[in-house]
N, C-alpha and C. Protein backbone atom coordinates (compact mmCIF):
# COMPACT_ATOMS: atom_id res chain seq x y z
N SER A 1 18.31 -27.67 47.76
CA SER A 1 18.49 -27.25 49.25
C SER A 1 19.03 -27.75 49.74
N PRO A 2 20.55 -26.87 50.52
CA PRO A 2 22.07 -27.40 51.47
C PRO A 2 21.70 -27.79 51.99
N SER A 3 22.67 -29.28 51.94
CA SER A 3 22.32 -29.77 53.55
C SER A 3 23.66 -29.65 54.68
N ALA A 4 23.24 -29.19 55.82
CA ALA A 4 24.28 -28.91 56.54
C ALA A 4 24.05 -29.95 58.21
N ASN A 5 25.56 -30.11 58.53
CA ASN A 5 25.61 -31.89 59.64
C ASN A 5 26.29 -30.60 60.63
N ASP A 6 25.99 -31.34 61.91
CA ASP A 6 26.52 -30.68 62.98
C ASP A 6 27.34 -31.78 63.71
N ASN A 7 28.78 -31.40 64.45
CA ASN A 7 29.66 -32.61 64.54
C ASN A 7 29.07 -32.95 66.06
N ILE A 8 27.59 -32.46 66.72
CA ILE A 8 27.58 -32.89 68.00
C ILE A 8 25.75 -33.34 67.61
N ASP A 9 25.20 -32.28 66.52
CA ASP A 9 23.74 -32.62 66.82
C ASP A 9 23.82 -33.86 65.12
N GLY A 10 24.78 -33.91 64.55
CA GLY A 10 23.93 -34.72 63.50
C GLY A 10 24.01 -33.63 62.15
N PRO A 11 23.07 -34.28 61.86
CA PRO A 11 22.24 -33.64 60.04
C PRO A 11 21.33 -32.53 60.85
N ILE A 12 21.35 -31.38 60.37
CA ILE A 12 20.11 -30.19 60.70
C ILE A 12 19.09 -30.28 59.31
N ALA A 13 18.45 -30.33 60.04
CA ALA A 13 17.22 -30.95 59.00
C ALA A 13 16.76 -29.41 58.26
N THR A 14 17.24 -28.72 58.79
CA THR A 14 16.47 -26.91 58.31
C THR A 14 17.81 -25.89 58.00
N THR A 15 17.60 -25.41 57.04
CA THR A 15 18.74 -24.70 56.30
C THR A 15 17.61 -23.48 55.38
N SER A 16 18.20 -22.18 55.32
CA SER A 16 17.54 -21.02 54.58
C SER A 16 18.55 -20.55 54.02
N CYS A 17 18.28 -19.28 53.31
CA CYS A 17 18.92 -19.59 51.91
C CYS A 17 18.49 -17.90 51.95
N LEU A 18 19.49 -16.99 51.21
CA LEU A 18 18.95 -16.11 50.80
C LEU A 18 19.91 -15.46 49.94
N PRO A 19 19.32 -15.21 48.25
CA PRO A 19 17.41 -15.22 48.10
C PRO A 19 17.30 -16.88 48.01
N SER A 20 16.27 -16.85 48.33
CA SER A 20 15.55 -18.37 49.31
C SER A 20 15.27 -19.08 47.38
N SER A 21 15.47 -20.10 47.26
CA SER A 21 15.14 -21.12 45.95
C SER A 21 14.16 -20.64 45.62
N GLY A 22 13.59 -20.56 43.96
CA GLY A 22 12.90 -20.52 43.53
C GLY A 22 12.81 -18.47 43.20
N SER A 23 13.81 -18.21 43.72
CA SER A 23 13.40 -16.33 43.40
C SER A 23 14.17 -16.36 41.94
N THR A 24 13.82 -15.70 41.49
CA THR A 24 14.40 -15.04 40.63
C THR A 24 15.44 -13.91 40.14
N PHE A 25 16.09 -14.19 39.76
CA PHE A 25 17.80 -13.72 39.24
C PHE A 25 17.88 -13.20 38.66
N HIS A 26 18.89 -12.13 38.31
CA HIS A 26 18.74 -11.29 37.59
C HIS A 26 20.13 -11.79 36.78
N LEU A 27 20.53 -11.86 35.69
CA LEU A 27 21.34 -11.67 34.34
C LEU A 27 22.62 -11.12 35.40
N GLY A 28 23.51 -11.72 35.34
CA GLY A 28 24.95 -11.77 36.23
C GLY A 28 24.93 -13.03 37.00
N ALA A 29 26.21 -12.79 37.82
CA ALA A 29 26.23 -13.26 39.26
C ALA A 29 25.26 -13.16 40.41
N THR A 30 24.91 -13.61 40.82
CA THR A 30 24.20 -13.59 42.29
C THR A 30 24.66 -14.59 43.32
N THR A 31 25.44 -13.92 44.80
CA THR A 31 26.04 -15.16 45.39
C THR A 31 24.49 -15.39 46.58
N VAL A 32 24.39 -16.33 46.64
CA VAL A 32 22.87 -17.30 47.68
C VAL A 32 23.73 -17.64 48.97
N THR A 33 23.55 -16.85 49.86
CA THR A 33 23.77 -17.63 51.73
C THR A 33 23.05 -18.63 52.21
N CYS A 34 23.09 -19.21 52.64
CA CYS A 34 22.66 -20.53 53.49
C CYS A 34 22.83 -20.88 54.81
N SER A 35 22.57 -20.74 55.45
CA SER A 35 22.76 -20.66 57.15
C SER A 35 21.76 -22.39 57.80
N ALA A 36 22.76 -22.62 58.73
CA ALA A 36 21.93 -23.69 59.76
C ALA A 36 21.86 -23.26 61.00
N THR A 37 21.07 -23.24 61.90
CA THR A 37 21.70 -23.57 63.83
C THR A 37 21.37 -24.63 64.45
N ASP A 38 22.23 -24.92 65.19
CA ASP A 38 21.87 -26.48 65.62
C ASP A 38 21.26 -26.18 66.88
N ALA A 39 21.36 -27.27 67.66
CA ALA A 39 20.67 -27.28 68.84
C ALA A 39 21.12 -26.10 69.97
N HIS A 40 22.61 -26.28 69.78
CA HIS A 40 23.05 -24.94 71.03
C HIS A 40 23.22 -23.81 70.57
N HIS A 41 22.39 -23.50 69.34
CA HIS A 41 22.33 -21.73 69.09
C HIS A 41 23.52 -20.99 68.12
N ASN A 42 23.88 -22.22 67.41
CA ASN A 42 25.36 -22.37 67.15
C ASN A 42 25.02 -22.17 65.32
N THR A 43 25.26 -21.14 64.85
CA THR A 43 25.37 -20.72 63.31
C THR A 43 26.65 -21.42 62.39
N GLY A 44 25.90 -21.95 60.95
CA GLY A 44 27.04 -22.32 60.15
C GLY A 44 26.43 -21.67 59.12
N SER A 45 27.37 -21.37 58.34
CA SER A 45 26.65 -20.55 57.21
C SER A 45 27.58 -20.27 56.38
N GLY A 46 27.39 -20.85 54.41
CA GLY A 46 28.04 -21.12 53.18
C GLY A 46 27.14 -20.56 52.27
N THR A 47 28.28 -20.02 51.07
CA THR A 47 27.65 -19.06 49.91
C THR A 47 28.08 -20.11 48.95
N PHE A 48 27.29 -19.84 47.98
CA PHE A 48 27.55 -20.04 46.27
C PHE A 48 26.97 -19.39 45.01
N THR A 49 27.02 -19.35 44.62
CA THR A 49 27.19 -18.63 43.65
C THR A 49 26.34 -18.84 42.21
N ILE A 50 25.37 -18.15 41.85
CA ILE A 50 24.08 -18.41 40.58
C ILE A 50 24.26 -17.38 39.77
N ASN A 51 25.09 -18.04 38.40
CA ASN A 51 25.30 -17.30 37.71
C ASN A 51 24.21 -17.06 36.08
N VAL A 52 23.41 -16.14 36.32
CA VAL A 52 22.67 -16.32 34.65
C VAL A 52 22.52 -15.80 33.70
N VAL A 53 22.88 -16.16 32.76
CA VAL A 53 23.14 -16.08 31.49
C VAL A 53 22.10 -15.82 30.75
N ASP A 54 21.94 -15.42 29.03
CA ASP A 54 21.36 -15.51 27.96
C ASP A 54 22.39 -15.64 26.98
N ARG A 55 22.19 -16.23 26.53
CA ARG A 55 22.20 -17.48 25.05
C ARG A 55 21.29 -16.91 23.91
N THR A 56 20.21 -16.47 24.01
CA THR A 56 19.42 -16.96 23.57
C THR A 56 19.44 -15.34 22.21
N PRO A 57 19.89 -15.93 20.68
CA PRO A 57 19.95 -14.55 19.56
C PRO A 57 18.49 -14.34 19.89
N PRO A 58 18.57 -12.82 19.47
CA PRO A 58 17.43 -11.90 19.22
C PRO A 58 16.94 -12.84 17.68
N VAL A 59 15.25 -12.49 17.65
CA VAL A 59 14.55 -12.72 16.58
C VAL A 59 14.46 -11.84 15.43
N LEU A 60 14.33 -11.80 14.22
CA LEU A 60 14.14 -10.95 13.32
C LEU A 60 13.01 -10.97 12.53
N SER A 61 12.77 -10.47 11.88
CA SER A 61 11.44 -9.97 11.65
C SER A 61 11.38 -9.04 10.02
N GLY A 62 10.66 -9.35 9.49
CA GLY A 62 10.20 -8.02 8.31
C GLY A 62 11.48 -8.68 7.23
N LEU A 63 12.00 -9.71 7.31
CA LEU A 63 12.83 -10.18 5.83
C LEU A 63 11.76 -10.54 5.07
N VAL A 64 11.51 -9.48 4.58
CA VAL A 64 10.78 -10.20 3.12
C VAL A 64 11.48 -9.38 1.94
N ASP A 65 11.45 -10.06 0.99
CA ASP A 65 12.08 -10.15 -0.52
C ASP A 65 11.19 -9.27 -1.46
N GLN A 66 11.31 -7.79 -1.82
CA GLN A 66 10.85 -6.67 -2.60
C GLN A 66 11.14 -6.60 -4.22
N THR A 67 10.35 -6.68 -4.89
CA THR A 67 10.29 -5.73 -6.28
C THR A 67 9.77 -4.77 -6.30
N VAL A 68 11.12 -3.81 -6.62
CA VAL A 68 10.76 -2.22 -7.39
C VAL A 68 10.89 -1.85 -8.54
N SER A 69 10.37 -1.09 -9.31
CA SER A 69 11.17 -0.69 -10.11
C SER A 69 11.24 1.28 -10.39
N THR A 70 11.95 1.00 -11.45
CA THR A 70 12.76 2.66 -11.82
C THR A 70 12.43 2.68 -13.23
N PRO A 71 12.66 4.46 -13.30
CA PRO A 71 13.38 4.67 -14.87
C PRO A 71 14.11 5.14 -14.93
N ASN A 72 14.98 4.93 -13.78
CA ASN A 72 16.77 5.42 -13.48
C ASN A 72 17.52 4.03 -13.64
N PRO A 73 18.52 4.34 -14.19
CA PRO A 73 19.42 2.91 -14.98
C PRO A 73 20.24 2.86 -13.79
N GLY A 74 20.57 4.15 -13.21
CA GLY A 74 21.86 3.96 -12.05
C GLY A 74 21.12 3.64 -10.82
N GLY A 75 19.75 2.80 -10.72
CA GLY A 75 18.93 2.33 -9.67
C GLY A 75 18.17 3.79 -8.83
N THR A 76 17.84 2.80 -7.82
CA THR A 76 16.61 3.90 -7.00
C THR A 76 16.72 3.32 -5.72
N ALA A 77 16.58 4.56 -4.58
CA ALA A 77 16.62 4.17 -3.43
C ALA A 77 15.50 3.59 -2.99
N VAL A 78 15.89 2.05 -1.49
CA VAL A 78 14.48 1.41 -1.48
C VAL A 78 14.52 1.74 -0.12
N SER A 79 13.55 2.03 0.26
CA SER A 79 13.36 1.47 1.98
C SER A 79 12.78 0.17 2.65
N PHE A 80 12.41 -0.27 3.63
CA PHE A 80 12.64 -1.07 4.24
C PHE A 80 12.60 -1.20 5.93
N SER A 81 11.76 -2.06 6.27
CA SER A 81 11.52 -1.98 8.25
C SER A 81 11.87 -3.95 8.30
N VAL A 82 13.35 -3.54 9.03
CA VAL A 82 12.98 -5.29 9.93
C VAL A 82 13.35 -4.70 11.07
N THR A 83 12.94 -5.71 12.15
CA THR A 83 13.02 -5.73 13.21
C THR A 83 13.67 -7.08 13.92
N ALA A 84 14.02 -6.78 15.23
CA ALA A 84 14.09 -7.66 16.16
C ALA A 84 14.43 -7.43 17.48
N VAL A 85 13.49 -8.79 17.93
CA VAL A 85 12.91 -8.71 19.55
C VAL A 85 14.44 -10.11 20.29
N ASP A 86 14.82 -9.36 21.32
CA ASP A 86 14.71 -10.73 22.22
C ASP A 86 14.80 -10.84 23.23
N ALA A 87 14.69 -12.31 23.85
CA ALA A 87 13.33 -12.32 25.19
C ALA A 87 14.22 -11.88 26.34
N VAL A 88 15.71 -11.57 26.36
CA VAL A 88 15.95 -10.35 27.46
C VAL A 88 15.88 -8.57 27.45
N ALA A 89 16.99 -9.02 26.21
CA ALA A 89 16.71 -7.12 26.68
C ALA A 89 15.44 -6.52 25.49
N GLY A 90 14.53 -7.32 24.62
CA GLY A 90 13.13 -6.65 24.46
C GLY A 90 13.68 -6.42 23.17
N SER A 91 13.37 -4.95 22.69
CA SER A 91 13.33 -4.61 21.20
C SER A 91 14.86 -3.86 20.36
N VAL A 92 15.49 -4.97 20.22
CA VAL A 92 16.69 -4.16 19.27
C VAL A 92 16.40 -3.95 17.91
N SER A 93 17.85 -2.68 17.68
CA SER A 93 17.88 -2.71 15.93
C SER A 93 18.49 -3.29 16.05
N PRO A 94 18.42 -3.92 14.22
CA PRO A 94 19.41 -4.72 13.56
C PRO A 94 20.41 -3.68 12.99
N SER A 95 21.42 -4.31 12.43
CA SER A 95 22.09 -3.91 11.67
C SER A 95 21.79 -4.32 9.94
N CYS A 96 22.10 -3.46 8.66
CA CYS A 96 21.76 -4.12 7.56
C CYS A 96 22.35 -3.32 6.71
N SER A 97 23.04 -4.30 5.76
CA SER A 97 23.73 -4.30 4.70
C SER A 97 23.53 -4.28 3.36
N PRO A 98 23.01 -3.93 2.53
CA PRO A 98 22.73 -2.12 2.04
C PRO A 98 21.60 -2.07 3.21
N ALA A 99 21.92 -0.44 3.84
CA ALA A 99 20.63 -0.27 5.17
C ALA A 99 19.51 0.34 4.23
N SER A 100 18.50 0.34 4.98
CA SER A 100 17.04 1.13 4.25
C SER A 100 17.66 2.52 3.95
N GLY A 101 16.99 2.68 2.76
CA GLY A 101 16.99 3.83 1.88
C GLY A 101 18.24 4.00 1.20
N ALA A 102 19.04 3.02 1.04
CA ALA A 102 20.49 2.83 -0.04
C ALA A 102 19.57 2.91 -1.42
N THR A 103 20.00 3.23 -2.04
CA THR A 103 20.53 2.86 -3.43
C THR A 103 20.54 2.62 -4.19
N PHE A 104 19.74 0.96 -4.70
CA PHE A 104 20.40 -0.35 -4.95
C PHE A 104 19.85 -0.25 -6.54
N PRO A 105 20.95 -0.62 -7.37
CA PRO A 105 21.23 -1.09 -8.37
C PRO A 105 19.87 -1.73 -9.42
N ILE A 106 19.88 -1.89 -10.07
CA ILE A 106 19.49 -2.78 -11.30
C ILE A 106 19.82 -4.08 -11.18
N GLY A 107 18.86 -5.05 -10.97
CA GLY A 107 18.82 -6.17 -10.66
C GLY A 107 18.73 -7.03 -9.26
N THR A 108 18.74 -7.67 -8.76
CA THR A 108 18.91 -8.17 -7.79
C THR A 108 19.79 -8.20 -6.12
N THR A 109 19.74 -8.12 -5.46
CA THR A 109 20.28 -7.67 -4.27
C THR A 109 20.21 -8.22 -3.22
N VAL A 110 20.87 -9.12 -2.55
CA VAL A 110 20.82 -9.21 -1.07
C VAL A 110 21.41 -8.75 -0.09
N VAL A 111 20.32 -8.33 0.72
CA VAL A 111 20.56 -7.31 2.13
C VAL A 111 20.67 -8.51 3.74
N GLN A 112 21.93 -8.27 4.30
CA GLN A 112 22.14 -9.25 4.74
C GLN A 112 21.87 -8.18 6.66
N CYS A 113 20.81 -8.48 7.89
CA CYS A 113 20.58 -7.89 8.67
C CYS A 113 20.91 -8.98 9.72
N THR A 114 21.67 -8.19 10.97
CA THR A 114 21.92 -8.77 12.08
C THR A 114 21.77 -7.98 12.86
N PRO A 115 20.92 -8.43 14.05
CA PRO A 115 20.99 -7.92 15.29
C PRO A 115 21.86 -8.02 16.57
N ASN A 116 22.16 -7.32 17.69
CA ASN A 116 23.45 -7.48 18.94
C ASN A 116 21.97 -7.60 19.81
N ASP A 117 22.35 -8.06 20.48
CA ASP A 117 21.60 -8.59 21.91
C ASP A 117 22.23 -7.17 23.57
N GLY A 118 23.31 -6.94 22.91
CA GLY A 118 24.15 -6.50 23.75
C GLY A 118 24.89 -7.30 25.17
N GLN A 119 24.80 -8.51 24.87
CA GLN A 119 25.07 -9.92 25.46
C GLN A 119 25.96 -11.19 24.58
N GLY A 120 25.98 -10.22 23.60
CA GLY A 120 27.08 -11.30 22.47
C GLY A 120 26.47 -12.16 21.74
N ASN A 121 25.24 -11.53 22.13
CA ASN A 121 24.25 -13.41 20.85
C ASN A 121 23.70 -12.31 19.40
N THR A 122 24.11 -12.87 18.38
CA THR A 122 23.86 -12.71 17.16
C THR A 122 23.23 -13.44 16.25
N THR A 123 22.55 -13.23 15.06
CA THR A 123 22.18 -14.04 14.47
C THR A 123 22.04 -13.15 13.52
N THR A 124 21.69 -13.59 12.03
CA THR A 124 21.76 -13.21 10.72
C THR A 124 20.59 -13.66 9.65
N GLY A 125 19.83 -12.85 9.03
CA GLY A 125 19.33 -13.23 8.78
C GLY A 125 19.00 -12.65 6.79
N SER A 126 18.34 -12.39 5.39
CA SER A 126 18.41 -11.74 4.45
C SER A 126 17.51 -12.16 3.76
N PHE A 127 17.36 -10.96 3.75
CA PHE A 127 16.52 -11.25 1.54
C PHE A 127 16.91 -10.11 0.58
N SER A 128 16.09 -10.49 -0.62
CA SER A 128 16.47 -10.07 -1.92
C SER A 128 15.09 -8.97 -1.85
N ILE A 129 16.44 -7.18 -2.42
CA ILE A 129 15.56 -6.99 -3.37
C ILE A 129 15.94 -6.72 -4.59
N THR A 130 15.09 -6.42 -5.61
CA THR A 130 15.27 -6.40 -6.93
C THR A 130 14.51 -5.43 -7.57
N VAL A 131 15.51 -4.64 -8.41
CA VAL A 131 15.15 -3.88 -8.73
C VAL A 131 14.62 -3.47 -10.37
N VAL A 132 13.77 -3.20 -10.83
CA VAL A 132 13.55 -3.60 -12.07
C VAL A 132 13.70 -2.22 -13.09
N LEU A 133 14.41 -2.33 -13.94
CA LEU A 133 14.39 -0.77 -15.40
C LEU A 133 12.61 -0.32 -15.88
N THR A 134 12.46 -0.06 -15.33
CA THR A 134 11.11 0.56 -16.26
C THR A 134 11.08 1.55 -17.57
N ASP A 135 10.71 1.58 -19.00
CA ASP A 135 11.71 1.96 -19.87
C ASP A 135 10.02 2.85 -20.18
N THR A 136 10.12 4.42 -19.90
CA THR A 136 8.49 5.06 -20.22
C THR A 136 8.73 6.19 -21.06
N THR A 137 10.53 6.39 -21.35
CA THR A 137 10.36 7.59 -22.59
C THR A 137 10.76 6.33 -23.74
N PRO A 138 9.66 7.24 -24.71
CA PRO A 138 10.09 6.59 -26.26
C PRO A 138 11.52 7.02 -26.43
N PRO A 139 12.07 6.30 -27.86
CA PRO A 139 13.30 6.72 -28.66
C PRO A 139 13.17 8.27 -29.00
N VAL A 140 14.21 8.84 -29.52
CA VAL A 140 13.66 9.44 -30.53
C VAL A 140 14.27 9.44 -31.67
N VAL A 141 13.82 9.69 -32.92
CA VAL A 141 14.08 9.03 -34.26
C VAL A 141 14.38 10.40 -34.93
N SER A 142 15.63 10.67 -35.13
CA SER A 142 15.88 11.65 -36.10
C SER A 142 15.09 12.23 -37.38
N ALA A 143 15.01 13.47 -37.66
CA ALA A 143 14.47 13.93 -39.11
C ALA A 143 14.86 13.28 -40.07
N VAL A 144 14.22 13.25 -41.15
CA VAL A 144 14.75 12.97 -42.27
C VAL A 144 13.46 13.96 -43.47
N ALA A 145 14.54 14.78 -44.34
CA ALA A 145 14.14 16.12 -45.10
C ALA A 145 12.76 15.11 -45.70
N ASP A 146 11.60 16.49 -46.13
CA ASP A 146 10.70 16.08 -46.65
C ASP A 146 11.19 15.86 -48.00
N ILE A 147 10.91 14.96 -48.90
CA ILE A 147 11.27 14.31 -50.14
C ILE A 147 10.21 15.46 -51.60
N THR A 148 10.00 15.73 -52.10
CA THR A 148 9.58 15.71 -53.45
C THR A 148 10.31 14.98 -54.42
N GLN A 149 8.95 14.30 -55.45
CA GLN A 149 9.37 13.24 -56.32
C GLN A 149 8.63 13.15 -56.96
N GLU A 150 9.48 13.39 -58.81
CA GLU A 150 8.48 13.50 -60.22
C GLU A 150 8.01 12.41 -59.82
N ALA A 151 6.56 12.22 -59.93
CA ALA A 151 5.57 11.00 -61.06
C ALA A 151 6.28 10.51 -62.23
N THR A 152 6.76 8.98 -62.13
CA THR A 152 6.84 8.74 -63.13
C THR A 152 5.44 7.71 -63.89
N SER A 153 4.27 7.97 -62.91
CA SER A 153 3.90 6.77 -63.92
C SER A 153 2.41 7.87 -63.36
N SER A 154 1.11 7.43 -63.58
CA SER A 154 0.17 7.26 -62.79
C SER A 154 0.06 6.70 -61.67
N SER A 155 0.35 5.73 -61.36
CA SER A 155 0.50 5.75 -60.05
C SER A 155 1.59 6.41 -58.62
N GLY A 156 2.17 6.70 -59.81
CA GLY A 156 3.13 7.96 -59.03
C GLY A 156 4.68 7.61 -59.06
N ALA A 157 5.30 7.19 -58.36
CA ALA A 157 7.14 6.98 -57.91
C ALA A 157 7.22 6.15 -57.02
N SER A 158 8.20 5.29 -57.58
CA SER A 158 9.26 4.36 -56.53
C SER A 158 10.02 5.95 -55.76
N VAL A 159 10.35 5.85 -54.21
CA VAL A 159 10.81 6.28 -53.74
C VAL A 159 11.85 5.75 -52.36
N THR A 160 13.27 6.39 -52.66
CA THR A 160 14.27 5.71 -51.57
C THR A 160 14.53 6.64 -51.41
N PHE A 161 14.68 6.13 -49.33
CA PHE A 161 14.72 7.34 -48.72
C PHE A 161 15.33 6.40 -47.73
N PRO A 162 16.47 7.78 -46.78
CA PRO A 162 17.88 7.33 -45.95
C PRO A 162 16.90 6.56 -45.11
N SER A 163 17.68 5.49 -43.98
CA SER A 163 16.75 5.11 -43.14
C SER A 163 17.09 5.79 -41.87
N PRO A 164 16.35 6.51 -41.32
CA PRO A 164 16.13 7.51 -40.30
C PRO A 164 16.82 6.49 -38.69
N SER A 165 17.50 7.27 -38.16
CA SER A 165 18.42 7.11 -36.87
C SER A 165 17.17 6.77 -35.90
N ALA A 166 17.65 6.37 -34.90
CA ALA A 166 16.83 5.93 -33.32
C ALA A 166 17.56 6.11 -32.29
N ASN A 167 17.55 6.97 -31.70
CA ASN A 167 18.53 6.74 -29.68
C ASN A 167 17.12 6.85 -28.79
N ASP A 168 17.85 6.54 -27.74
CA ASP A 168 17.09 5.55 -26.89
C ASP A 168 17.35 6.11 -25.66
N ASN A 169 17.44 6.41 -24.17
CA ASN A 169 17.87 7.08 -23.02
C ASN A 169 18.36 6.11 -22.88
N ILE A 170 17.83 4.78 -22.90
CA ILE A 170 18.37 3.35 -21.77
C ILE A 170 19.31 2.51 -22.71
N ASP A 171 18.03 2.05 -24.17
CA ASP A 171 19.25 0.89 -25.08
C ASP A 171 19.97 1.87 -25.59
N GLY A 172 20.15 3.18 -25.70
CA GLY A 172 21.06 3.67 -27.00
C GLY A 172 20.34 3.53 -28.26
N ALA A 173 21.81 3.60 -29.34
CA ALA A 173 21.09 3.70 -31.10
C ALA A 173 19.97 1.67 -31.13
N ILE A 174 19.18 2.82 -32.08
CA ILE A 174 18.12 1.15 -31.99
C ILE A 174 17.63 1.34 -33.61
N SER A 175 17.20 0.27 -34.68
CA SER A 175 17.01 0.34 -35.21
C SER A 175 15.33 0.65 -35.52
N THR A 176 15.54 1.11 -37.00
CA THR A 176 14.05 2.04 -36.97
C THR A 176 13.57 0.82 -38.26
N SER A 177 12.39 1.05 -38.44
CA SER A 177 10.99 0.69 -39.10
C SER A 177 10.40 1.77 -39.77
N CYS A 178 9.81 1.67 -40.94
CA CYS A 178 8.80 2.80 -41.94
C CYS A 178 7.65 1.87 -42.56
N LEU A 179 6.78 2.96 -42.18
CA LEU A 179 5.37 2.78 -43.06
C LEU A 179 5.33 3.57 -44.10
N PRO A 180 4.87 4.13 -45.19
CA PRO A 180 5.50 3.02 -46.41
C PRO A 180 6.85 2.75 -46.15
N SER A 181 7.65 1.31 -46.07
CA SER A 181 8.80 1.40 -46.20
C SER A 181 9.67 2.02 -47.58
N SER A 182 10.69 2.40 -47.41
CA SER A 182 11.25 2.82 -48.76
C SER A 182 11.66 2.25 -49.67
N GLY A 183 11.61 2.40 -50.95
CA GLY A 183 10.93 1.88 -52.26
C GLY A 183 9.56 1.76 -52.32
N SER A 184 9.11 1.64 -51.88
CA SER A 184 7.82 1.52 -52.08
C SER A 184 7.54 2.47 -52.99
N THR A 185 6.24 2.27 -53.53
CA THR A 185 5.47 4.02 -55.17
C THR A 185 4.82 4.53 -53.89
N PHE A 186 5.23 5.21 -54.35
CA PHE A 186 3.92 6.78 -53.22
C PHE A 186 3.25 6.93 -54.50
N HIS A 187 1.69 7.15 -53.59
CA HIS A 187 0.63 8.37 -55.23
C HIS A 187 1.08 9.15 -55.28
N LEU A 188 0.69 10.43 -56.29
CA LEU A 188 1.17 11.40 -56.28
C LEU A 188 0.11 12.18 -54.62
N GLY A 189 0.71 13.26 -54.97
CA GLY A 189 0.08 13.81 -53.65
C GLY A 189 1.43 13.79 -52.27
N ALA A 190 0.39 14.28 -51.25
CA ALA A 190 1.26 14.44 -50.22
C ALA A 190 1.47 12.89 -49.46
N THR A 191 2.44 11.62 -48.56
CA THR A 191 2.04 10.87 -48.33
C THR A 191 2.87 11.20 -46.89
N THR A 192 2.44 11.08 -45.43
CA THR A 192 3.24 11.03 -44.36
C THR A 192 4.02 9.94 -44.26
């Protein structure tokens, strides 16, 4: 409440201001004009400025760690939903890097999200996306040609065969094991 003083009447009890004290002031600068009238109907006025600023950053939500699986060694596209609400601007769209829908590699990637309320107030939040490689394709075992071996006794014959190779679409070349193993005694007849 501004005070007013008159050179003849002294302090004047009543002043009026527009906008009045207690009004809602919008963002930015607003000039308030106040006036007082003395007993002889002389009116004096003065002004001051009220500047309303926004210094509160938006609040992020949806920063949730995720784990996804893929059979693709190159990674997979992952979508997520991160939102932000500002006390003044309301809902604002955060900028995230990497963006939702981007291809994430195998392993853990940290996503950084930053919303801006248009008044220069920003905040940053992060979460992790972990991509796990799931291998659902069995390795391909190279064929070994069928073997015919002459029996050396009534028990059959000991047969040694070359170790077959195997290749996996993710792991590459891998070792193999055979049953019965190479060097075993095979009975008369066909054995797989």
